[in-house]
Amino acid sequence: MLKSVTLGVALLASAPLLGQGYGPNWFEDFDAAVAAAKEQNKDLLVDFTGSDW
């Protein structure tokens, strides 16, 4: 049990290091995001959020 807890803590602690080089590519301009997706032949993930609902 202690080994699995230690392993879990070690994995969580190293998680930020595993994702280096894959920085966020967020677009706040929808048209720019569409153009970049077309240029790279990729799909878009669009997240609509609101706080006045």
PDB file of N, CA and C in Angstrom:
ATOM      1  N   MET A   1       0.824  -1.192   0.000  1.00  0.00           N
ATOM      2  CA  MET A   1       0.000   0.000   0.000  1.00  0.00           C
ATOM      3  C   MET A   1       0.869   1.257   0.000  1.00  0.00           C
ATOM      4  N   LEU A   2       1.895   1.249   0.825  1.00  0.00           N
ATOM      5  CA  LEU A   2       2.761   2.416   0.906  1.00  0.00           C
ATOM      6  C   LEU A   2       3.505   2.640  -0.399  1.00  0.00           C
ATOM      7  N   LYS A   3       3.882   1.551  -1.092  1.00  0.00           N
ATOM      8  CA  LYS A   3       4.569   1.697  -2.376  1.00  0.00           C
ATOM      9  C   LYS A   3       3.668   2.351  -3.409  1.00  0.00           C
ATOM     10  N   SER A   4       2.396   1.968  -3.447  1.00  0.00           N
ATOM     11  CA  SER A   4       1.499   2.553  -4.443  1.00  0.00           C
ATOM     12  C   SER A   4       1.205   4.022  -4.127  1.00  0.00           C
ATOM     13  N   VAL A   5       1.133   4.362  -2.849  1.00  0.00           N
ATOM     14  CA  VAL A   5       0.925   5.769  -2.486  1.00  0.00           C
ATOM     15  C   VAL A   5       2.156   6.583  -2.869  1.00  0.00           C
ATOM     16  N   THR A   6       3.331   6.052  -2.591  1.00  0.00           N
ATOM     17  CA  THR A   6       4.569   6.743  -2.948  1.00  0.00           C
ATOM     18  C   THR A   6       4.683   6.914  -4.452  1.00  0.00           C
ATOM     19  N   LEU A   7       4.341   5.862  -5.197  1.00  0.00           N
ATOM     20  CA  LEU A   7       4.380   5.936  -6.654  1.00  0.00           C
ATOM     21  C   LEU A   7       3.380   6.976  -7.167  1.00  0.00           C
ATOM     22  N   GLY A   8       2.190   7.003  -6.590  1.00  0.00           N
ATOM     23  CA  GLY A   8       1.178   7.978  -7.003  1.00  0.00           C
ATOM     24  C   GLY A   8       1.627   9.404  -6.755  1.00  0.00           C
ATOM     25  N   VAL A   9       2.216   9.643  -5.600  1.00  0.00           N
ATOM     26  CA  VAL A   9       2.714  10.983  -5.274  1.00  0.00           C
ATOM     27  C   VAL A   9       3.839  11.375  -6.229  1.00  0.00           C
ATOM     28  N   ALA A  10       4.730  10.443  -6.527  1.00  0.00           N
ATOM     29  CA  ALA A  10       5.836  10.731  -7.441  1.00  0.00           C
ATOM     30  C   ALA A  10       5.318  11.059  -8.839  1.00  0.00           C
ATOM     31  N   LEU A  11       4.311  10.326  -9.297  1.00  0.00           N
ATOM     32  CA  LEU A  11       3.752  10.599 -10.630  1.00  0.00           C
ATOM     33  C   LEU A  11       3.064  11.955 -10.677  1.00  0.00           C
ATOM     34  N   LEU A  12       2.305  12.276  -9.635  1.00  0.00           N
ATOM     35  CA  LEU A  12       1.641  13.581  -9.601  1.00  0.00           C
ATOM     36  C   LEU A  12       2.644  14.722  -9.530  1.00  0.00           C
ATOM     37  N   ALA A  13       3.732  14.518  -8.791  1.00  0.00           N
ATOM     38  CA  ALA A  13       4.743  15.561  -8.666  1.00  0.00           C
ATOM     39  C   ALA A  13       5.488  15.775  -9.978  1.00  0.00           C
ATOM     40  N   SER A  14       5.630  14.726 -10.772  1.00  0.00           N
ATOM     41  CA  SER A  14       6.380  14.853 -12.025  1.00  0.00           C
ATOM     42  C   SER A  14       5.488  15.203 -13.212  1.00  0.00           C
ATOM     43  N   ALA A  15       4.190  15.279 -13.034  1.00  0.00           N
ATOM     44  CA  ALA A  15       3.269  15.545 -14.138  1.00  0.00           C
ATOM     45  C   ALA A  15       3.581  16.839 -14.892  1.00  0.00           C
ATOM     46  N   PRO A  16       3.899  17.950 -14.210  1.00  0.00           N
ATOM     47  CA  PRO A  16       4.233  19.167 -14.976  1.00  0.00           C
ATOM     48  C   PRO A  16       5.459  18.997 -15.863  1.00  0.00           C
ATOM     49  N   LEU A  17       6.394  18.167 -15.459  1.00  0.00           N
ATOM     50  CA  LEU A  17       7.596  17.955 -16.260  1.00  0.00           C
ATOM     51  C   LEU A  17       7.306  17.121 -17.506  1.00  0.00           C
ATOM     52  N   LEU A  18       6.317  16.245 -17.419  1.00  0.00           N
ATOM     53  CA  LEU A  18       6.001  15.380 -18.551  1.00  0.00           C
ATOM     54  C   LEU A  18       5.381  16.153 -19.706  1.00  0.00           C
ATOM     55  N   GLY A  19       4.721  17.255 -19.411  1.00  0.00           N
ATOM     56  CA  GLY A  19       4.035  18.009 -20.445  1.00  0.00           C
ATOM     57  C   GLY A  19       4.837  19.141 -21.037  1.00  0.00           C
ATOM     58  N   GLN A  20       6.108  19.265 -20.674  1.00  0.00           N
ATOM     59  CA  GLN A  20       6.900  20.364 -21.214  1.00  0.00           C
ATOM     60  C   GLN A  20       7.058  20.216 -22.721  1.00  0.00           C
ATOM     61  N   GLY A  21       7.021  21.334 -23.409  1.00  0.00           N
ATOM     62  CA  GLY A  21       7.140  21.312 -24.855  1.00  0.00           C
ATOM     63  C   GLY A  21       5.786  21.254 -25.545  1.00  0.00           C
ATOM     64  N   TYR A  22       4.737  21.089 -24.764  1.00  0.00           N
ATOM     65  CA  TYR A  22       3.387  21.046 -25.316  1.00  0.00           C
ATOM     66  C   TYR A  22       2.576  22.189 -24.736  1.00  0.00           C
ATOM     67  N   GLY A  23       3.094  23.383 -24.860  1.00  0.00           N
ATOM     68  CA  GLY A  23       2.440  24.547 -24.278  1.00  0.00           C
ATOM     69  C   GLY A  23       1.062  24.783 -24.862  1.00  0.00           C
ATOM     70  N   PRO A  24       0.233  25.511 -24.135  1.00  0.00           N
ATOM     71  CA  PRO A  24      -1.131  25.767 -24.603  1.00  0.00           C
ATOM     72  C   PRO A  24      -1.138  26.642 -25.854  1.00  0.00           C
ATOM     73  N   ASN A  25      -1.936  26.279 -26.785  1.00  0.00           N
ATOM     74  CA  ASN A  25      -2.110  27.058 -28.018  1.00  0.00           C
ATOM     75  C   ASN A  25      -3.543  27.569 -28.056  1.00  0.00           C
ATOM     76  N   TRP A  26      -3.867  28.470 -27.141  1.00  0.00           N
ATOM     77  CA  TRP A  26      -5.214  28.991 -27.049  1.00  0.00           C
ATOM     78  C   TRP A  26      -5.386  30.169 -27.989  1.00  0.00           C
ATOM     79  N   PHE A  27      -6.541  30.242 -28.577  1.00  0.00           N
ATOM     80  CA  PHE A  27      -6.896  31.379 -29.422  1.00  0.00           C
ATOM     81  C   PHE A  27      -8.122  32.040 -28.825  1.00  0.00           C
ATOM     82  N   GLU A  28      -8.074  33.334 -28.697  1.00  0.00           N
ATOM     83  CA  GLU A  28      -9.258  34.071 -28.277  1.00  0.00           C
ATOM     84  C   GLU A  28     -10.005  34.612 -29.485  1.00  0.00           C
ATOM     85  N   ASP A  29      -9.376  34.589 -30.641  1.00  0.00           N
ATOM     86  CA  ASP A  29      -9.981  35.039 -31.892  1.00  0.00           C
ATOM     87  C   ASP A  29     -10.405  33.807 -32.687  1.00  0.00           C
ATOM     88  N   PHE A  30     -11.712  33.622 -32.863  1.00  0.00           N
ATOM     89  CA  PHE A  30     -12.223  32.424 -33.529  1.00  0.00           C
ATOM     90  C   PHE A  30     -11.712  32.307 -34.962  1.00  0.00           C
ATOM     91  N   ASP A  31     -11.687  33.418 -35.697  1.00  0.00           N
ATOM     92  CA  ASP A  31     -11.223  33.370 -37.091  1.00  0.00           C
ATOM     93  C   ASP A  31      -9.754  32.951 -37.184  1.00  0.00           C
ATOM     94  N   ALA A  32      -8.931  33.425 -36.250  1.00  0.00           N
ATOM     95  CA  ALA A  32      -7.519  33.021 -36.226  1.00  0.00           C
ATOM     96  C   ALA A  32      -7.388  31.537 -35.904  1.00  0.00           C
ATOM     97  N   ALA A  33      -8.238  31.036 -35.025  1.00  0.00           N
ATOM     98  CA  ALA A  33      -8.212  29.612 -34.669  1.00  0.00           C
ATOM     99  C   ALA A  33      -8.613  28.755 -35.865  1.00  0.00           C
ATOM    100  N   VAL A  34      -9.628  29.183 -36.601  1.00  0.00           N
ATOM    101  CA  VAL A  34     -10.061  28.449 -37.792  1.00  0.00           C
ATOM    102  C   VAL A  34      -8.953  28.425 -38.839  1.00  0.00           C
ATOM    103  N   ALA A  35      -8.309  29.563 -39.035  1.00  0.00           N
ATOM    104  CA  ALA A  35      -7.228  29.635 -40.022  1.00  0.00           C
ATOM    105  C   ALA A  35      -6.060  28.728 -39.622  1.00  0.00           C
ATOM    106  N   ALA A  36      -5.700  28.720 -38.343  1.00  0.00           N
ATOM    107  CA  ALA A  36      -4.599  27.872 -37.882  1.00  0.00           C
ATOM    108  C   ALA A  36      -4.962  26.398 -38.011  1.00  0.00           C
ATOM    109  N   ALA A  37      -6.211  26.049 -37.725  1.00  0.00           N
ATOM    110  CA  ALA A  37      -6.646  24.656 -37.839  1.00  0.00           C
ATOM    111  C   ALA A  37      -6.623  24.196 -39.292  1.00  0.00           C
ATOM    112  N   LYS A  38      -7.053  25.055 -40.195  1.00  0.00           N
ATOM    113  CA  LYS A  38      -7.017  24.697 -41.613  1.00  0.00           C
ATOM    114  C   LYS A  38      -5.587  24.535 -42.099  1.00  0.00           C
ATOM    115  N   GLU A  39      -4.704  25.422 -41.654  1.00  0.00           N
ATOM    116  CA  GLU A  39      -3.304  25.374 -42.072  1.00  0.00           C
ATOM    117  C   GLU A  39      -2.625  24.087 -41.585  1.00  0.00           C
ATOM    118  N   GLN A  40      -2.982  23.636 -40.377  1.00  0.00           N
ATOM    119  CA  GLN A  40      -2.369  22.443 -39.791  1.00  0.00           C
ATOM    120  C   GLN A  40      -3.189  21.180 -40.034  1.00  0.00           C
ATOM    121  N   ASN A  41      -4.295  21.316 -40.767  1.00  0.00           N
ATOM    122  CA  ASN A  41      -5.198  20.196 -41.046  1.00  0.00           C
ATOM    123  C   ASN A  41      -5.652  19.517 -39.755  1.00  0.00           C
ATOM    124  N   LYS A  42      -6.144  20.333 -38.811  1.00  0.00           N
ATOM    125  CA  LYS A  42      -6.595  19.837 -37.513  1.00  0.00           C
ATOM    126  C   LYS A  42      -8.024  20.272 -37.252  1.00  0.00           C
ATOM    127  N   ASP A  43      -8.663  19.569 -36.324  1.00  0.00           N
ATOM    128  CA  ASP A  43     -10.004  19.920 -35.885  1.00  0.00           C
ATOM    129  C   ASP A  43      -9.922  20.985 -34.791  1.00  0.00           C
ATOM    130  N   LEU A  44     -11.062  21.593 -34.493  1.00  0.00           N
ATOM    131  CA  LEU A  44     -11.140  22.585 -33.427  1.00  0.00           C
ATOM    132  C   LEU A  44     -11.915  22.017 -32.246  1.00  0.00           C
ATOM    133  N   LEU A  45     -11.503  22.377 -31.053  1.00  0.00           N
ATOM    134  CA  LEU A  45     -12.276  22.124 -29.849  1.00  0.00           C
ATOM    135  C   LEU A  45     -12.700  23.496 -29.355  1.00  0.00           C
ATOM    136  N   VAL A  46     -13.998  23.758 -29.385  1.00  0.00           N
ATOM    137  CA  VAL A  46     -14.519  25.068 -29.006  1.00  0.00           C
ATOM    138  C   VAL A  46     -15.248  24.921 -27.679  1.00  0.00           C
ATOM    139  N   ASP A  47     -14.882  25.742 -26.716  1.00  0.00           N
ATOM    140  CA  ASP A  47     -15.479  25.706 -25.380  1.00  0.00           C
ATOM    141  C   ASP A  47     -16.263  26.992 -25.153  1.00  0.00           C
ATOM    142  N   PHE A  48     -17.579  26.867 -25.052  1.00  0.00           N
ATOM    143  CA  PHE A  48     -18.427  28.019 -24.793  1.00  0.00           C
ATOM    144  C   PHE A  48     -18.740  28.061 -23.303  1.00  0.00           C
ATOM    145  N   THR A  49     -18.404  29.163 -22.667  1.00  0.00           N
ATOM    146  CA  THR A  49     -18.702  29.316 -21.249  1.00  0.00           C
ATOM    147  C   THR A  49     -19.388  30.645 -21.031  1.00  0.00           C
ATOM    148  N   GLY A  50     -20.106  30.738 -19.949  1.00  0.00           N
ATOM    149  CA  GLY A  50     -20.769  31.984 -19.619  1.00  0.00           C
ATOM    150  C   GLY A  50     -21.021  32.058 -18.133  1.00  0.00           C
ATOM    151  N   SER A  51     -21.129  33.267 -17.620  1.00  0.00           N
ATOM    152  CA  SER A  51     -21.349  33.425 -16.191  1.00  0.00           C
ATOM    153  C   SER A  51     -22.664  34.139 -15.888  1.00  0.00           C
ATOM    154  N   ASP A  52     -23.362  34.611 -16.890  1.00  0.00           N
ATOM    155  CA  ASP A  52     -24.590  35.349 -16.669  1.00  0.00           C
ATOM    156  C   ASP A  52     -25.828  34.496 -16.920  1.00  0.00           C
ATOM    157  N   TRP A  53     -25.688  33.181 -16.818  1.00  0.00           N
ATOM    158  CA  TRP A  53     -26.809  32.309 -17.116  1.00  0.00           C
ATOM    159  C   TRP A  53     -27.673  32.242 -15.914  1.00  0.00           C
TER     160      TRP A  53
END
